[in-house]
Amino acid sequence: MHELDTKNLNIKIKDLVNNEHCGGTAVNVGNPHVIFFVDELQNFDISIIGSQLEIHKIFPEKCNVTIAKVLNKNLIKVKVWERGAGLTKACGTAACATAFAGTLNKLTDNNTDIEFETGKLSIFIDEKNSIHMKGPVSDIKEILIKL
């Protein structure tokens, strides 16, 4: 098998008006992620892109998919599709993977906030490339599941 350029997988995604965007950075932080840096988040439907790319042949164990917009060197806004779960409000591993992809592509500094629809996580990548995450947690609600 040929070597992949994990910094730019050259995967094509389409925006809402069918324009193609080519890219995708693969990062594994214990689970596989692919991150696309775009100009405008609202131009992309993460539900369509995520459901298609989650099962891409490059990722035999499926993958999480993130659409990301760099607002500045210390802030990235994201939408995330989690493998097996779908659209999600927040994902710690996606925040870590996105921050790492941002530094790898020289788009951000080693200290970056990742902004989800419902809040932010702060990610710091140290000199050994260890990733440190800080942020709020939410209560888990009690639910009843009938099997």
N, C-alpha and C. Protein backbone atom coordinates (compact mmCIF):
# COMPACT_ATOMS: atom_id res chain seq x y z
N MET A 1 0.83 -1.18 0.00
CA MET A 1 0.00 0.00 0.00
C MET A 1 0.88 1.24 0.00
N HIS A 2 0.47 2.26 -0.71
CA HIS A 2 1.24 3.50 -0.76
C HIS A 2 1.04 4.31 0.51
N GLU A 3 2.03 5.14 0.79
CA GLU A 3 1.96 6.00 1.97
C GLU A 3 0.98 7.14 1.75
N LEU A 4 0.18 7.43 2.75
CA LEU A 4 -0.77 8.53 2.69
C LEU A 4 -0.14 9.79 3.25
N ASP A 5 -0.46 10.91 2.66
CA ASP A 5 -0.10 12.20 3.23
C ASP A 5 -1.21 12.55 4.22
N THR A 6 -1.00 12.21 5.49
CA THR A 6 -2.06 12.39 6.48
C THR A 6 -2.34 13.86 6.79
N LYS A 7 -1.43 14.73 6.39
CA LYS A 7 -1.65 16.17 6.57
C LYS A 7 -2.66 16.70 5.55
N ASN A 8 -2.69 16.08 4.38
CA ASN A 8 -3.66 16.44 3.35
C ASN A 8 -4.05 15.17 2.59
N LEU A 9 -5.17 14.59 2.97
CA LEU A 9 -5.63 13.34 2.37
C LEU A 9 -6.20 13.52 0.97
N ASN A 10 -6.40 14.77 0.56
CA ASN A 10 -7.01 15.07 -0.75
C ASN A 10 -8.38 14.43 -0.93
N ILE A 11 -9.15 14.41 0.14
CA ILE A 11 -10.54 13.94 0.08
C ILE A 11 -11.41 15.12 -0.31
N LYS A 12 -12.33 14.88 -1.23
CA LYS A 12 -13.23 15.95 -1.68
C LYS A 12 -14.52 15.93 -0.87
N ILE A 13 -14.89 17.12 -0.39
CA ILE A 13 -16.19 17.32 0.24
C ILE A 13 -16.87 18.44 -0.53
N LYS A 14 -18.20 18.47 -0.45
CA LYS A 14 -18.95 19.50 -1.17
C LYS A 14 -19.68 20.40 -0.18
N ASP A 15 -19.73 21.69 -0.54
CA ASP A 15 -20.49 22.62 0.29
C ASP A 15 -21.96 22.58 -0.13
N LEU A 16 -22.77 23.45 0.44
CA LEU A 16 -24.22 23.43 0.21
C LEU A 16 -24.62 23.78 -1.22
N VAL A 17 -23.73 24.46 -1.96
CA VAL A 17 -24.04 24.79 -3.36
C VAL A 17 -23.24 23.93 -4.32
N ASN A 18 -22.73 22.81 -3.81
CA ASN A 18 -22.04 21.79 -4.60
C ASN A 18 -20.62 22.15 -5.05
N ASN A 19 -20.01 23.18 -4.46
CA ASN A 19 -18.60 23.46 -4.74
C ASN A 19 -17.74 22.45 -4.00
N GLU A 20 -16.68 21.97 -4.65
CA GLU A 20 -15.81 21.00 -4.03
C GLU A 20 -14.70 21.67 -3.22
N HIS A 21 -14.39 21.05 -2.10
CA HIS A 21 -13.29 21.47 -1.24
C HIS A 21 -12.44 20.22 -1.04
N CYS A 22 -11.16 20.32 -1.25
CA CYS A 22 -10.28 19.16 -1.16
C CYS A 22 -9.34 19.32 0.04
N GLY A 23 -9.18 18.28 0.82
CA GLY A 23 -8.29 18.35 1.98
C GLY A 23 -8.50 17.18 2.91
N GLY A 24 -8.44 17.49 4.20
CA GLY A 24 -8.60 16.48 5.24
C GLY A 24 -7.28 16.12 5.87
N THR A 25 -7.16 16.38 7.17
CA THR A 25 -5.98 16.00 7.94
C THR A 25 -6.38 14.86 8.87
N ALA A 26 -5.67 13.75 8.80
CA ALA A 26 -5.96 12.59 9.65
C ALA A 26 -5.13 12.68 10.93
N VAL A 27 -5.79 12.52 12.06
CA VAL A 27 -5.13 12.53 13.36
C VAL A 27 -5.74 11.41 14.20
N ASN A 28 -4.89 10.65 14.88
CA ASN A 28 -5.37 9.62 15.79
C ASN A 28 -4.97 10.00 17.20
N VAL A 29 -5.97 10.22 18.05
CA VAL A 29 -5.73 10.55 19.46
C VAL A 29 -6.32 9.44 20.34
N GLY A 30 -6.13 8.21 19.87
CA GLY A 30 -6.74 7.06 20.53
C GLY A 30 -7.92 6.57 19.73
N ASN A 31 -8.47 7.42 18.92
CA ASN A 31 -9.49 7.07 17.94
C ASN A 31 -9.26 7.94 16.70
N PRO A 32 -9.66 7.46 15.53
CA PRO A 32 -9.33 8.16 14.29
C PRO A 32 -10.24 9.36 14.01
N HIS A 33 -9.62 10.43 13.53
CA HIS A 33 -10.33 11.67 13.17
C HIS A 33 -9.84 12.15 11.83
N VAL A 34 -10.73 12.82 11.09
CA VAL A 34 -10.33 13.57 9.91
C VAL A 34 -10.91 14.97 10.07
N ILE A 35 -10.05 15.97 9.86
CA ILE A 35 -10.42 17.36 10.08
C ILE A 35 -10.28 18.11 8.77
N PHE A 36 -11.33 18.87 8.41
CA PHE A 36 -11.31 19.73 7.23
C PHE A 36 -11.37 21.18 7.69
N PHE A 37 -10.37 21.95 7.29
CA PHE A 37 -10.37 23.38 7.59
C PHE A 37 -11.03 24.10 6.43
N VAL A 38 -12.09 24.87 6.73
CA VAL A 38 -12.89 25.54 5.71
C VAL A 38 -13.00 27.02 6.04
N ASP A 39 -13.46 27.80 5.05
CA ASP A 39 -13.62 29.24 5.25
C ASP A 39 -14.88 29.60 6.04
N GLU A 40 -15.96 28.87 5.81
CA GLU A 40 -17.23 29.16 6.49
C GLU A 40 -17.94 27.87 6.89
N LEU A 41 -18.14 27.66 8.19
CA LEU A 41 -18.80 26.44 8.67
C LEU A 41 -20.21 26.28 8.13
N GLN A 42 -20.94 27.39 8.08
CA GLN A 42 -22.35 27.29 7.68
C GLN A 42 -22.53 26.88 6.22
N ASN A 43 -21.46 26.87 5.44
CA ASN A 43 -21.54 26.44 4.04
C ASN A 43 -21.47 24.93 3.87
N PHE A 44 -21.30 24.19 4.98
CA PHE A 44 -21.12 22.74 4.91
C PHE A 44 -22.12 22.04 5.82
N ASP A 45 -22.71 20.95 5.34
CA ASP A 45 -23.64 20.15 6.12
C ASP A 45 -22.88 18.97 6.72
N ILE A 46 -22.53 19.06 7.99
CA ILE A 46 -21.75 18.02 8.65
C ILE A 46 -22.48 16.69 8.68
N SER A 47 -23.82 16.70 8.67
CA SER A 47 -24.57 15.44 8.67
C SER A 47 -24.34 14.66 7.39
N ILE A 48 -24.32 15.34 6.26
CA ILE A 48 -24.07 14.67 4.98
C ILE A 48 -22.61 14.25 4.88
N ILE A 49 -21.71 15.19 5.14
CA ILE A 49 -20.27 14.91 5.02
C ILE A 49 -19.84 13.84 6.02
N GLY A 50 -20.28 13.97 7.26
CA GLY A 50 -19.90 13.03 8.30
C GLY A 50 -20.36 11.61 8.02
N SER A 51 -21.62 11.47 7.60
CA SER A 51 -22.14 10.12 7.35
C SER A 51 -21.42 9.45 6.18
N GLN A 52 -20.98 10.24 5.20
CA GLN A 52 -20.25 9.69 4.06
C GLN A 52 -18.81 9.33 4.44
N LEU A 53 -18.14 10.24 5.14
CA LEU A 53 -16.72 10.04 5.43
C LEU A 53 -16.45 9.11 6.60
N GLU A 54 -17.40 8.97 7.50
CA GLU A 54 -17.23 8.06 8.63
C GLU A 54 -16.83 6.67 8.14
N ILE A 55 -17.34 6.27 6.98
CA ILE A 55 -17.10 4.93 6.45
C ILE A 55 -16.13 4.93 5.25
N HIS A 56 -15.34 5.98 5.10
CA HIS A 56 -14.38 6.07 3.99
C HIS A 56 -13.39 4.91 4.07
N LYS A 57 -12.98 4.40 2.92
CA LYS A 57 -12.10 3.22 2.86
C LYS A 57 -10.75 3.44 3.54
N ILE A 58 -10.31 4.67 3.69
CA ILE A 58 -9.04 4.95 4.38
C ILE A 58 -9.13 4.59 5.86
N PHE A 59 -10.35 4.60 6.41
CA PHE A 59 -10.56 4.38 7.84
C PHE A 59 -11.32 3.07 8.06
N PRO A 60 -10.61 1.94 8.14
CA PRO A 60 -11.29 0.64 8.28
C PRO A 60 -12.08 0.50 9.57
N GLU A 61 -11.75 1.28 10.59
CA GLU A 61 -12.49 1.24 11.85
C GLU A 61 -13.46 2.41 11.98
N LYS A 62 -13.76 3.04 10.86
CA LYS A 62 -14.57 4.26 10.79
C LYS A 62 -13.80 5.42 11.42
N CYS A 63 -14.34 6.63 11.30
CA CYS A 63 -13.65 7.79 11.87
C CYS A 63 -14.64 8.88 12.27
N ASN A 64 -14.17 9.75 13.12
CA ASN A 64 -14.88 10.97 13.49
C ASN A 64 -14.53 12.02 12.46
N VAL A 65 -15.48 12.89 12.13
CA VAL A 65 -15.29 13.90 11.09
C VAL A 65 -15.55 15.28 11.69
N THR A 66 -14.60 16.20 11.46
CA THR A 66 -14.74 17.56 11.96
C THR A 66 -14.59 18.55 10.81
N ILE A 67 -15.51 19.51 10.78
CA ILE A 67 -15.39 20.67 9.89
C ILE A 67 -14.98 21.82 10.80
N ALA A 68 -13.88 22.50 10.45
CA ALA A 68 -13.31 23.50 11.35
C ALA A 68 -13.02 24.81 10.63
N LYS A 69 -13.28 25.91 11.32
CA LYS A 69 -12.94 27.24 10.82
C LYS A 69 -11.99 27.89 11.82
N VAL A 70 -10.81 28.24 11.35
CA VAL A 70 -9.85 28.93 12.20
C VAL A 70 -10.25 30.40 12.26
N LEU A 71 -10.57 30.87 13.46
CA LEU A 71 -10.93 32.29 13.64
C LEU A 71 -9.69 33.13 13.89
N ASN A 72 -8.73 32.57 14.61
CA ASN A 72 -7.43 33.20 14.82
C ASN A 72 -6.46 32.13 15.32
N LYS A 73 -5.24 32.49 15.63
CA LYS A 73 -4.21 31.53 16.04
C LYS A 73 -4.54 30.78 17.32
N ASN A 74 -5.55 31.25 18.06
CA ASN A 74 -5.90 30.62 19.33
C ASN A 74 -7.37 30.23 19.45
N LEU A 75 -8.07 30.20 18.30
CA LEU A 75 -9.50 29.85 18.35
C LEU A 75 -9.95 29.19 17.05
N ILE A 76 -10.53 28.01 17.20
CA ILE A 76 -11.10 27.27 16.08
C ILE A 76 -12.55 26.94 16.42
N LYS A 77 -13.46 27.22 15.51
CA LYS A 77 -14.87 26.85 15.68
C LYS A 77 -15.12 25.58 14.89
N VAL A 78 -15.89 24.64 15.46
CA VAL A 78 -16.05 23.32 14.84
C VAL A 78 -17.49 22.81 14.84
N LYS A 79 -17.72 21.87 13.93
CA LYS A 79 -18.89 20.99 13.93
C LYS A 79 -18.35 19.58 13.82
N VAL A 80 -18.92 18.66 14.61
CA VAL A 80 -18.35 17.31 14.71
C VAL A 80 -19.40 16.24 14.45
N TRP A 81 -18.95 15.23 13.71
CA TRP A 81 -19.72 14.00 13.47
C TRP A 81 -18.94 12.87 14.13
N GLU A 82 -19.53 12.22 15.13
CA GLU A 82 -18.85 11.11 15.80
C GLU A 82 -19.23 9.78 15.17
N ARG A 83 -18.21 8.96 14.93
CA ARG A 83 -18.47 7.66 14.33
C ARG A 83 -19.41 6.86 15.21
N GLY A 84 -20.42 6.30 14.58
CA GLY A 84 -21.38 5.48 15.29
C GLY A 84 -22.43 6.24 16.08
N ALA A 85 -22.28 7.56 16.21
CA ALA A 85 -23.22 8.35 17.01
C ALA A 85 -23.89 9.46 16.21
N GLY A 86 -23.18 10.01 15.24
CA GLY A 86 -23.74 11.09 14.43
C GLY A 86 -23.33 12.47 14.93
N LEU A 87 -24.13 13.45 14.57
CA LEU A 87 -23.86 14.84 14.95
C LEU A 87 -23.82 14.96 16.47
N THR A 88 -22.81 15.64 16.99
CA THR A 88 -22.66 15.75 18.44
C THR A 88 -22.42 17.20 18.83
N LYS A 89 -22.82 17.55 20.04
CA LYS A 89 -22.67 18.93 20.52
C LYS A 89 -21.25 19.23 20.97
N ALA A 90 -20.52 18.21 21.40
CA ALA A 90 -19.14 18.40 21.86
C ALA A 90 -18.43 17.05 21.87
N CYS A 91 -17.12 17.09 21.69
CA CYS A 91 -16.34 15.85 21.68
C CYS A 91 -14.91 16.20 22.07
N GLY A 92 -14.46 15.68 23.19
CA GLY A 92 -13.12 15.98 23.69
C GLY A 92 -12.02 15.51 22.76
N THR A 93 -12.16 14.30 22.21
CA THR A 93 -11.10 13.82 21.32
C THR A 93 -11.09 14.61 20.01
N ALA A 94 -12.25 15.05 19.55
CA ALA A 94 -12.29 15.89 18.34
C ALA A 94 -11.62 17.23 18.61
N ALA A 95 -11.81 17.78 19.80
CA ALA A 95 -11.14 19.03 20.15
C ALA A 95 -9.63 18.85 20.14
N CYS A 96 -9.15 17.76 20.73
CA CYS A 96 -7.71 17.49 20.76
C CYS A 96 -7.17 17.27 19.35
N ALA A 97 -7.86 16.47 18.55
CA ALA A 97 -7.42 16.19 17.19
C ALA A 97 -7.41 17.45 16.33
N THR A 98 -8.43 18.29 16.49
CA THR A 98 -8.52 19.53 15.70
C THR A 98 -7.40 20.49 16.08
N ALA A 99 -7.14 20.63 17.37
CA ALA A 99 -6.04 21.51 17.81
C ALA A 99 -4.70 21.00 17.27
N PHE A 100 -4.50 19.70 17.33
CA PHE A 100 -3.26 19.13 16.83
C PHE A 100 -3.14 19.34 15.32
N ALA A 101 -4.22 19.13 14.59
CA ALA A 101 -4.21 19.36 13.14
C ALA A 101 -3.95 20.83 12.82
N GLY A 102 -4.46 21.72 13.65
CA GLY A 102 -4.22 23.16 13.45
C GLY A 102 -2.75 23.50 13.60
N THR A 103 -2.09 22.94 14.60
CA THR A 103 -0.66 23.21 14.77
C THR A 103 0.16 22.51 13.69
N LEU A 104 -0.23 21.30 13.33
CA LEU A 104 0.46 20.55 12.29
C LEU A 104 0.47 21.31 10.96
N ASN A 105 -0.66 21.95 10.66
CA ASN A 105 -0.80 22.72 9.43
C ASN A 105 -0.39 24.19 9.59
N LYS A 106 0.19 24.50 10.75
CA LYS A 106 0.67 25.86 11.06
C LYS A 106 -0.43 26.92 10.96
N LEU A 107 -1.63 26.53 11.35
CA LEU A 107 -2.77 27.44 11.36
C LEU A 107 -3.01 28.06 12.72
N THR A 108 -2.53 27.37 13.77
CA THR A 108 -2.76 27.82 15.14
C THR A 108 -1.52 27.65 15.99
N ASP A 109 -1.57 28.24 17.18
CA ASP A 109 -0.51 28.08 18.17
C ASP A 109 -0.74 26.80 18.96
N ASN A 110 0.17 26.49 19.88
CA ASN A 110 0.05 25.28 20.70
C ASN A 110 -1.01 25.40 21.79
N ASN A 111 -1.53 26.59 22.01
CA ASN A 111 -2.57 26.82 23.01
C ASN A 111 -3.79 27.36 22.27
N THR A 112 -4.79 26.50 22.09
CA THR A 112 -5.93 26.84 21.23
C THR A 112 -7.25 26.48 21.89
N ASP A 113 -8.22 27.36 21.78
CA ASP A 113 -9.57 27.05 22.22
C ASP A 113 -10.33 26.45 21.04
N ILE A 114 -11.10 25.41 21.33
CA ILE A 114 -11.95 24.78 20.33
C ILE A 114 -13.38 25.09 20.74
N GLU A 115 -14.10 25.79 19.85
CA GLU A 115 -15.46 26.23 20.18
C GLU A 115 -16.50 25.36 19.49
N PHE A 116 -17.32 24.72 20.32
CA PHE A 116 -18.47 23.95 19.85
C PHE A 116 -19.70 24.83 19.95
N GLU A 117 -20.80 24.36 19.46
CA GLU A 117 -22.05 25.11 19.53
C GLU A 117 -22.42 25.44 20.98
N THR A 118 -22.08 24.56 21.91
CA THR A 118 -22.51 24.74 23.30
C THR A 118 -21.39 25.14 24.27
N GLY A 119 -20.20 25.43 23.77
CA GLY A 119 -19.13 25.84 24.67
C GLY A 119 -17.75 25.61 24.09
N LYS A 120 -16.73 25.89 24.92
CA LYS A 120 -15.33 25.80 24.47
C LYS A 120 -14.53 24.85 25.34
N LEU A 121 -13.53 24.24 24.70
CA LEU A 121 -12.51 23.48 25.41
C LEU A 121 -11.16 24.12 25.08
N SER A 122 -10.29 24.20 26.07
CA SER A 122 -8.95 24.74 25.86
C SER A 122 -7.97 23.58 25.71
N ILE A 123 -7.19 23.62 24.64
CA ILE A 123 -6.25 22.55 24.34
C ILE A 123 -4.84 23.13 24.32
N PHE A 124 -3.93 22.45 25.00
CA PHE A 124 -2.52 22.84 25.00
C PHE A 124 -1.70 21.64 24.53
N ILE A 125 -0.81 21.88 23.58
CA ILE A 125 0.08 20.83 23.07
C ILE A 125 1.49 21.18 23.52
N ASP A 126 2.08 20.30 24.34
CA ASP A 126 3.40 20.61 24.90
C ASP A 126 4.52 20.24 23.92
N GLU A 127 5.77 20.45 24.37
CA GLU A 127 6.94 20.23 23.52
C GLU A 127 7.14 18.77 23.12
N LYS A 128 6.49 17.84 23.83
CA LYS A 128 6.58 16.42 23.49
C LYS A 128 5.37 15.95 22.66
N ASN A 129 4.56 16.92 22.22
CA ASN A 129 3.32 16.67 21.47
C ASN A 129 2.26 15.95 22.30
N SER A 130 2.37 16.03 23.63
CA SER A 130 1.30 15.55 24.49
C SER A 130 0.19 16.60 24.48
N ILE A 131 -1.03 16.13 24.44
CA ILE A 131 -2.18 17.04 24.33
C ILE A 131 -2.89 17.11 25.68
N HIS A 132 -3.12 18.34 26.15
CA HIS A 132 -3.77 18.59 27.44
C HIS A 132 -5.06 19.36 27.18
N MET A 133 -6.16 18.88 27.78
CA MET A 133 -7.46 19.50 27.57
C MET A 133 -8.01 20.02 28.89
N LYS A 134 -8.63 21.20 28.82
CA LYS A 134 -9.27 21.78 30.00
C LYS A 134 -10.59 22.37 29.58
N GLY A 135 -11.62 22.17 30.39
CA GLY A 135 -12.92 22.75 30.08
C GLY A 135 -13.99 22.25 31.02
N PRO A 136 -15.20 22.77 30.85
CA PRO A 136 -16.31 22.38 31.72
C PRO A 136 -16.83 21.00 31.38
N VAL A 137 -17.52 20.40 32.33
CA VAL A 137 -18.23 19.15 32.09
C VAL A 137 -19.72 19.42 32.30
N SER A 138 -20.54 18.57 31.74
CA SER A 138 -21.98 18.74 31.94
C SER A 138 -22.54 17.53 32.67
N ASP A 139 -23.67 17.75 33.31
CA ASP A 139 -24.34 16.66 34.02
C ASP A 139 -24.87 15.65 33.03
N ILE A 140 -24.78 14.40 33.43
CA ILE A 140 -25.38 13.33 32.64
C ILE A 140 -26.81 13.15 33.15
N LYS A 141 -27.74 13.25 32.28
CA LYS A 141 -29.15 13.12 32.67
C LYS A 141 -29.53 11.65 32.75
N GLU A 142 -30.40 11.35 33.66
CA GLU A 142 -30.87 9.98 33.79
C GLU A 142 -31.95 9.73 32.74
N ILE A 143 -31.77 8.63 32.01
CA ILE A 143 -32.74 8.29 30.99
C ILE A 143 -33.14 6.83 31.14
N LEU A 144 -34.28 6.48 30.60
CA LEU A 144 -34.79 5.12 30.63
C LEU A 144 -34.74 4.57 29.22
N ILE A 145 -34.11 3.43 29.06
CA ILE A 145 -34.04 2.77 27.75
C ILE A 145 -34.73 1.43 27.87
N LYS A 146 -35.75 1.21 27.06
CA LYS A 146 -36.47 -0.05 27.07
C LYS A 146 -35.90 -0.93 25.97
N LEU A 147 -35.47 -2.13 26.35
CA LEU A 147 -34.90 -3.07 25.39
C LEU A 147 -35.86 -4.19 25.07
